[in-house]
Amino acid sequence: MAKTNFSYEKRQRELEKKRKAEEKAKRKAEAKNHPGGEGQEMTADGAEDADAEISADAQETQTP
């Protein structure tokens, strides 16, 4: 029986956390550069796009 490669899974989780942190920092920087209503609209649009990408990535990584 094959063993699970836990180090690979851990690395993938770390990369996902890093990507999410970078996206969050980018959204914060945009909000800081565009105070008022402009930054909020961009954040909402970006969040929807990011969720769609995460869903696609999650489906790929969950295949056995």
C-alpha atoms as a PDB file:
ATOM      1  CA  MET A   1       0.000   0.000   0.000  1.00  0.00           C
ATOM      2  CA  ALA A   2       1.297   3.458  -0.889  1.00  0.00           C
ATOM      3  CA  LYS A   3       2.223   5.971   1.778  1.00  0.00           C
ATOM      4  CA  THR A   4       0.798   9.471   1.869  1.00  0.00           C
ATOM      5  CA  ASN A   5       3.318  12.184   1.051  1.00  0.00           C
ATOM      6  CA  PHE A   6       2.667  14.493   3.986  1.00  0.00           C
ATOM      7  CA  SER A   7       5.578  16.803   3.170  1.00  0.00           C
ATOM      8  CA  TYR A   8       4.059  17.541  -0.258  1.00  0.00           C
ATOM      9  CA  GLU A   9       0.650  18.276   1.277  1.00  0.00           C
ATOM     10  CA  LYS A  10       2.226  20.516   3.912  1.00  0.00           C
ATOM     11  CA  ARG A  11       4.162  22.454   1.272  1.00  0.00           C
ATOM     12  CA  GLN A  12       0.992  22.970  -0.749  1.00  0.00           C
ATOM     13  CA  ARG A  13      -0.808  24.324   2.332  1.00  0.00           C
ATOM     14  CA  GLU A  14       2.115  26.678   3.032  1.00  0.00           C
ATOM     15  CA  LEU A  15       2.092  27.948  -0.555  1.00  0.00           C
ATOM     16  CA  GLU A  16      -1.677  28.529  -0.364  1.00  0.00           C
ATOM     17  CA  LYS A  17      -1.301  30.510   2.875  1.00  0.00           C
ATOM     18  CA  LYS A  18       1.477  32.595   1.329  1.00  0.00           C
ATOM     19  CA  ARG A  19      -0.614  33.316  -1.779  1.00  0.00           C
ATOM     20  CA  LYS A  20      -3.608  34.346   0.327  1.00  0.00           C
ATOM     21  CA  ALA A  21      -1.420  36.615   2.479  1.00  0.00           C
ATOM     22  CA  GLU A  22      -0.013  38.292  -0.641  1.00  0.00           C
ATOM     23  CA  GLU A  23      -3.514  38.839  -2.046  1.00  0.00           C
ATOM     24  CA  LYS A  24      -4.668  40.317   1.255  1.00  0.00           C
ATOM     25  CA  ALA A  25      -1.662  42.665   1.366  1.00  0.00           C
ATOM     26  CA  LYS A  26      -2.382  43.712  -2.224  1.00  0.00           C
ATOM     27  CA  ARG A  27      -6.042  44.451  -1.404  1.00  0.00           C
ATOM     28  CA  LYS A  28      -4.997  46.473   1.656  1.00  0.00           C
ATOM     29  CA  ALA A  29      -2.506  48.472  -0.420  1.00  0.00           C
ATOM     30  CA  GLU A  30      -5.171  49.185  -3.050  1.00  0.00           C
ATOM     31  CA  ALA A  31      -7.651  50.243  -0.380  1.00  0.00           C
ATOM     32  CA  LYS A  32      -5.033  52.524   1.140  1.00  0.00           C
ATOM     33  CA  ASN A  33      -4.265  54.096  -2.248  1.00  0.00           C
ATOM     34  CA  HIS A  34      -7.963  54.519  -3.098  1.00  0.00           C
ATOM     35  CA  PRO A  35      -9.760  55.678   0.048  1.00  0.00           C
ATOM     36  CA  GLY A  36     -13.539  55.867   0.055  1.00  0.00           C
ATOM     37  CA  GLY A  37     -15.911  53.801  -2.048  1.00  0.00           C
ATOM     38  CA  GLU A  38     -13.486  52.991  -4.865  1.00  0.00           C
ATOM     39  CA  GLY A  39     -11.346  50.581  -2.837  1.00  0.00           C
ATOM     40  CA  GLN A  40     -14.357  48.724  -1.470  1.00  0.00           C
ATOM     41  CA  GLU A  41     -15.735  47.955  -4.934  1.00  0.00           C
ATOM     42  CA  MET A  42     -12.401  46.666  -6.129  1.00  0.00           C
ATOM     43  CA  THR A  43     -12.039  44.464  -3.053  1.00  0.00           C
ATOM     44  CA  ALA A  44     -15.481  42.919  -3.558  1.00  0.00           C
ATOM     45  CA  ASP A  45     -14.742  42.165  -7.218  1.00  0.00           C
ATOM     46  CA  GLY A  46     -11.314  40.772  -6.384  1.00  0.00           C
ATOM     47  CA  ALA A  47     -12.738  38.576  -3.635  1.00  0.00           C
ATOM     48  CA  GLU A  48     -15.232  37.008  -6.028  1.00  0.00           C
ATOM     49  CA  ASP A  49     -12.498  36.275  -8.580  1.00  0.00           C
ATOM     50  CA  ALA A  50     -10.184  34.867  -5.901  1.00  0.00           C
ATOM     51  CA  ASP A  51     -12.948  32.580  -4.609  1.00  0.00           C
ATOM     52  CA  ALA A  52     -13.491  31.177  -8.092  1.00  0.00           C
ATOM     53  CA  GLU A  53      -9.761  30.509  -8.471  1.00  0.00           C
ATOM     54  CA  ILE A  54      -9.570  28.874  -5.049  1.00  0.00           C
ATOM     55  CA  SER A  55     -12.479  26.602  -5.900  1.00  0.00           C
ATOM     56  CA  ALA A  56     -10.792  25.502  -9.117  1.00  0.00           C
ATOM     57  CA  ASP A  57      -7.482  24.937  -7.328  1.00  0.00           C
ATOM     58  CA  ALA A  58      -9.160  23.025  -4.527  1.00  0.00           C
ATOM     59  CA  GLN A  59     -10.849  20.680  -7.003  1.00  0.00           C
ATOM     60  CA  GLU A  60      -7.541  19.939  -8.697  1.00  0.00           C
ATOM     61  CA  THR A  61      -5.726  19.155  -5.457  1.00  0.00           C
ATOM     62  CA  GLN A  62      -8.495  16.939  -4.086  1.00  0.00           C
ATOM     63  CA  THR A  63      -8.394  14.407  -6.886  1.00  0.00           C
ATOM     64  CA  PRO A  64      -7.086  11.045  -5.580  1.00  0.00           C
END
